[in-house]
Amino acid sequence: MTVGRLPSIEGGIQPTLVDAKGDLIAAVAADTPARLAVGANDTVLTADSSTATGLKWAAAASGGANWSLLNAGGTALTGAQTITVSGISAKNDLFIIFSGASSATAQSEFRIRFNADSGSNYAAFGIGNNYLAAYSNQLLDYESDSARSSIRMAQMTTSASNVCSGYLYVSGANTSGIKAVHGAGAAQQGTGAKQYAIGGYWSGAATVSSVSIVSEFGNFDAGTIFVYTSA
């Protein structure tokens, strides 16, 4: 049996429409095919209504979060019991850092809230070191609570000059669902300090528009908070 070319189909796409390996056929209008030349190595096909075919070759999006500092230079922790950084909009990921935080009142605990929400909408699960006496005499706390009014980060010692530092990562900040969090906070060496390593969530339905750090007792008198955001 002789093998030959199949008969051409009237109105079909002609082989001469493509010129090179990797060329694609795309529509430029109803019943109107056209050639989309192959793109450069490592580019990806991307929808673009401004082009003739509605498609283009573009560089692949970079992976991972592209962090930018929302509050340029950081916000000083001083003169108030609650310090708020607002202006968060359309950001999915937040990275919150507080450094050298101190209250005028010894043993104040520092906590994080979103959108000034003080309701029982926070959950935290993890461990904490509770130094009731000497720094080396440590007790291990187990943090497991789904109805908190904030995320506990760290507690100062019995000295008013003690400082705390820590971080909190927030995922899903631009959604109406739960916002997952994980982080840690620690106080300097001394009696009465608490340090936390926690994960959990905030169940508020609104997207995150502000972050507050709260001193349980007394006004802040030292430290800085930095809020990094990424879409």
Protein backbone atom coordinates (compact mmCIF):
# COMPACT_ATOMS: atom_id res chain seq x y z
CA MET A 1 0.00 0.00 0.00
CA THR A 2 1.31 3.39 -0.96
CA VAL A 3 1.36 5.97 1.80
CA GLY A 4 0.72 9.50 0.59
CA ARG A 5 -0.33 12.89 1.86
CA LEU A 6 -3.84 13.24 3.13
CA PRO A 7 -6.00 15.40 0.94
CA SER A 8 -6.18 18.99 2.07
CA ILE A 9 -9.37 20.15 3.70
CA GLU A 10 -10.92 23.21 2.15
CA GLY A 11 -10.72 26.16 4.49
CA GLY A 12 -8.15 24.42 6.77
CA ILE A 13 -5.06 26.10 8.22
CA GLN A 14 -2.20 26.04 5.75
CA PRO A 15 1.15 24.63 6.87
CA THR A 16 2.87 27.70 5.46
CA LEU A 17 1.35 29.76 8.24
CA VAL A 18 4.11 28.63 10.63
CA ASP A 19 7.79 29.28 9.98
CA ALA A 20 9.86 27.99 12.88
CA LYS A 21 10.02 25.43 15.63
CA GLY A 22 7.79 26.52 18.49
CA ASP A 23 5.53 28.84 16.46
CA LEU A 24 1.91 28.90 17.64
CA ILE A 25 -1.33 29.59 15.84
CA ALA A 26 -3.62 32.08 17.53
CA ALA A 27 -6.73 33.98 16.47
CA VAL A 28 -6.60 37.69 15.70
CA ALA A 29 -10.34 37.86 15.05
CA ALA A 30 -13.28 35.55 14.42
CA ASP A 31 -12.29 32.81 11.93
CA THR A 32 -8.91 34.53 11.42
CA PRO A 33 -5.81 32.57 12.48
CA ALA A 34 -2.34 34.09 12.66
CA ARG A 35 1.17 33.04 13.58
CA LEU A 36 2.58 33.83 17.01
CA ALA A 37 6.34 33.45 16.72
CA VAL A 38 8.08 31.40 19.36
CA GLY A 39 9.36 33.40 22.30
CA ALA A 40 12.82 33.66 23.77
CA ASN A 41 14.16 30.87 25.96
CA ASP A 42 12.63 30.68 29.45
CA THR A 43 9.76 33.06 28.66
CA VAL A 44 6.15 32.04 29.29
CA LEU A 45 2.97 32.55 27.29
CA THR A 46 0.92 35.34 28.82
CA ALA A 47 -2.53 36.76 28.02
CA ASP A 48 -2.38 40.40 26.85
CA SER A 49 -5.44 41.97 25.24
CA SER A 50 -3.34 44.84 23.84
CA THR A 51 -1.56 42.54 21.33
CA ALA A 52 -2.98 41.39 17.99
CA THR A 53 -3.34 37.76 19.08
CA GLY A 54 -4.23 38.51 22.70
CA LEU A 55 -1.05 36.68 23.71
CA LYS A 56 2.60 37.49 24.29
CA TRP A 57 5.80 35.91 25.55
CA ALA A 58 6.99 37.36 28.84
CA ALA A 59 9.56 36.71 31.54
CA ALA A 60 8.31 34.36 34.23
CA ALA A 61 7.26 36.05 37.44
CA SER A 62 9.88 35.86 40.16
CA GLY A 63 9.07 33.53 43.01
CA GLY A 64 8.65 34.49 46.64
CA ALA A 65 7.50 37.66 48.34
CA ASN A 66 8.78 41.04 47.19
CA TRP A 67 9.00 42.86 50.52
CA SER A 68 8.81 46.63 50.90
CA LEU A 69 8.84 48.66 54.11
CA LEU A 70 5.45 50.34 54.60
CA ASN A 71 6.44 52.73 57.41
CA ALA A 72 9.67 54.26 56.15
CA GLY A 73 12.34 54.25 58.83
CA GLY A 74 10.02 52.40 61.21
CA THR A 75 7.58 53.81 63.76
CA ALA A 76 8.89 54.81 67.19
CA LEU A 77 7.36 53.04 70.17
CA THR A 78 6.91 55.88 72.59
CA GLY A 79 4.31 57.98 74.38
CA ALA A 80 1.28 55.71 74.07
CA GLN A 81 0.03 52.29 75.16
CA THR A 82 -1.01 51.37 71.61
CA ILE A 83 1.05 52.21 68.52
CA THR A 84 -0.65 51.65 65.15
CA VAL A 85 0.76 51.43 61.64
CA SER A 86 -2.05 51.94 59.10
CA GLY A 87 -2.28 52.35 55.33
CA ILE A 88 -2.07 48.63 54.49
CA SER A 89 -4.00 47.91 51.27
CA ALA A 90 -4.14 44.96 48.85
CA LYS A 91 -1.21 43.19 50.53
CA ASN A 92 -1.35 39.44 51.09
CA ASP A 93 1.76 39.01 53.22
CA LEU A 94 2.96 41.05 56.19
CA PHE A 95 6.24 40.79 58.07
CA ILE A 96 6.13 42.71 61.36
CA ILE A 97 9.28 43.34 63.39
CA PHE A 98 9.47 45.09 66.76
CA SER A 99 12.88 45.88 68.15
CA GLY A 100 13.99 47.13 71.56
CA ALA A 101 10.39 47.58 72.76
CA SER A 102 9.96 48.76 76.35
CA SER A 103 7.22 50.09 78.59
CA ALA A 104 7.57 52.50 81.50
CA THR A 105 5.88 49.78 83.57
CA ALA A 106 7.86 46.63 84.39
CA GLN A 107 6.56 43.22 83.29
CA SER A 108 4.32 44.70 80.62
CA GLU A 109 3.38 42.18 77.94
CA PHE A 110 3.46 43.20 74.27
CA ARG A 111 0.76 42.04 71.89
CA ILE A 112 -0.23 42.43 68.23
CA ARG A 113 -3.69 43.32 66.91
CA PHE A 114 -5.08 43.87 63.43
CA ASN A 115 -7.53 46.63 62.45
CA ALA A 116 -7.78 47.66 66.15
CA ASP A 117 -9.80 44.47 66.76
CA SER A 118 -9.86 43.67 70.48
CA GLY A 119 -12.51 40.96 70.19
CA SER A 120 -11.93 37.27 70.86
CA ASN A 121 -10.87 36.63 67.27
CA TYR A 122 -7.27 35.52 67.68
CA ALA A 123 -5.94 31.99 68.10
CA ALA A 124 -2.42 31.06 69.16
CA PHE A 125 -0.74 27.70 69.62
CA GLY A 126 2.85 27.12 70.64
CA ILE A 127 5.26 27.30 73.54
CA GLY A 128 6.60 29.94 75.87
CA ASN A 129 9.40 30.16 78.38
CA ASN A 130 8.22 31.68 81.65
CA TYR A 131 11.11 32.85 83.86
CA LEU A 132 9.49 33.20 87.26
CA ALA A 133 12.71 33.49 89.25
CA ALA A 134 16.30 33.48 88.00
CA TYR A 135 16.70 33.48 84.23
CA SER A 136 18.00 29.90 84.32
CA ASN A 137 15.01 28.65 86.31
CA GLN A 138 12.65 28.25 83.39
CA LEU A 139 9.18 26.86 83.10
CA LEU A 140 7.73 25.83 79.77
CA ASP A 141 4.25 27.18 79.00
CA TYR A 142 1.94 25.65 76.43
CA GLU A 143 0.00 28.28 74.49
CA SER A 144 -3.32 26.94 73.14
CA ASP A 145 -6.21 29.37 72.94
CA SER A 146 -8.64 30.08 70.09
CA ALA A 147 -10.45 33.03 71.71
CA ARG A 148 -7.79 35.63 72.49
CA SER A 149 -8.10 39.40 72.06
CA SER A 150 -4.56 39.70 70.59
CA ILE A 151 -1.41 37.76 69.72
CA ARG A 152 0.96 37.59 72.71
CA MET A 153 4.57 38.24 71.68
CA ALA A 154 6.80 38.82 74.75
CA GLN A 155 6.77 40.09 78.33
CA MET A 156 9.31 42.36 80.02
CA THR A 157 11.10 41.33 83.18
CA THR A 158 10.59 42.93 86.61
CA SER A 159 13.00 45.67 85.50
CA ALA A 160 11.46 48.70 83.75
CA SER A 161 14.64 49.06 81.70
CA ASN A 162 14.19 45.63 80.11
CA VAL A 163 13.43 45.47 76.36
CA CYS A 164 11.76 42.92 74.06
CA SER A 165 12.07 42.15 70.37
CA GLY A 166 10.33 39.81 67.97
CA TYR A 167 8.59 39.23 64.65
CA LEU A 168 5.23 38.11 63.28
CA TYR A 169 4.57 36.83 59.76
CA VAL A 170 1.01 37.13 58.43
CA SER A 171 -0.32 35.27 55.37
CA GLY A 172 -3.70 35.89 53.72
CA ALA A 173 -3.94 39.51 54.90
CA ASN A 174 -5.81 40.51 51.73
CA THR A 175 -8.55 37.90 52.05
CA SER A 176 -11.84 37.70 53.91
CA GLY A 177 -10.89 34.34 55.42
CA ILE A 178 -8.61 33.58 58.35
CA LYS A 179 -5.17 35.17 58.36
CA ALA A 180 -2.49 32.68 59.37
CA VAL A 181 0.31 33.95 61.62
CA HIS A 182 3.54 32.64 63.07
CA GLY A 183 6.26 34.38 64.99
CA ALA A 184 8.35 34.70 68.12
CA GLY A 185 9.22 37.29 70.73
CA ALA A 186 11.77 37.43 73.50
CA ALA A 187 12.78 39.60 76.44
CA GLN A 188 16.26 40.36 77.72
CA GLN A 189 17.71 38.33 80.55
CA GLY A 190 16.02 38.90 83.90
CA THR A 191 13.39 37.73 86.38
CA GLY A 192 9.76 37.50 85.35
CA ALA A 193 10.27 37.49 81.59
CA LYS A 194 8.16 35.52 79.12
CA GLN A 195 9.17 34.55 75.59
CA TYR A 196 6.82 33.07 73.00
CA ALA A 197 7.14 31.02 69.83
CA ILE A 198 3.66 30.78 68.40
CA GLY A 199 1.51 30.13 65.36
CA GLY A 200 -2.19 30.70 64.87
CA TYR A 201 -4.61 32.98 63.08
CA TRP A 202 -6.85 36.03 63.15
CA SER A 203 -10.43 35.23 62.14
CA GLY A 204 -11.56 38.80 61.32
CA ALA A 205 -13.51 38.92 58.05
CA ALA A 206 -12.02 42.22 56.87
CA THR A 207 -8.72 42.46 55.02
CA VAL A 208 -5.86 43.77 57.16
CA SER A 209 -5.56 47.56 56.93
CA SER A 210 -3.56 48.28 60.09
CA VAL A 211 -1.28 46.64 62.63
CA SER A 212 -1.09 47.68 66.28
CA ILE A 213 1.39 46.76 68.97
CA VAL A 214 -0.10 47.05 72.45
CA SER A 215 1.61 47.42 75.82
CA GLU A 216 -0.41 45.62 78.50
CA PHE A 217 0.73 48.03 81.23
CA GLY A 218 1.99 51.58 80.78
CA ASN A 219 3.02 53.57 77.75
CA PHE A 220 5.83 52.52 75.45
CA ASP A 221 9.05 54.39 76.17
CA ALA A 222 11.49 52.78 73.71
CA GLY A 223 11.73 50.68 70.58
CA THR A 224 10.68 50.64 66.93
CA ILE A 225 8.14 48.68 64.89
CA PHE A 226 8.67 47.93 61.20
CA VAL A 227 5.90 46.66 58.92
CA TYR A 228 6.95 45.04 55.64
CA THR A 229 4.31 44.18 53.03
CA SER A 230 4.15 42.11 49.87
CA ALA A 231 1.35 41.52 47.35
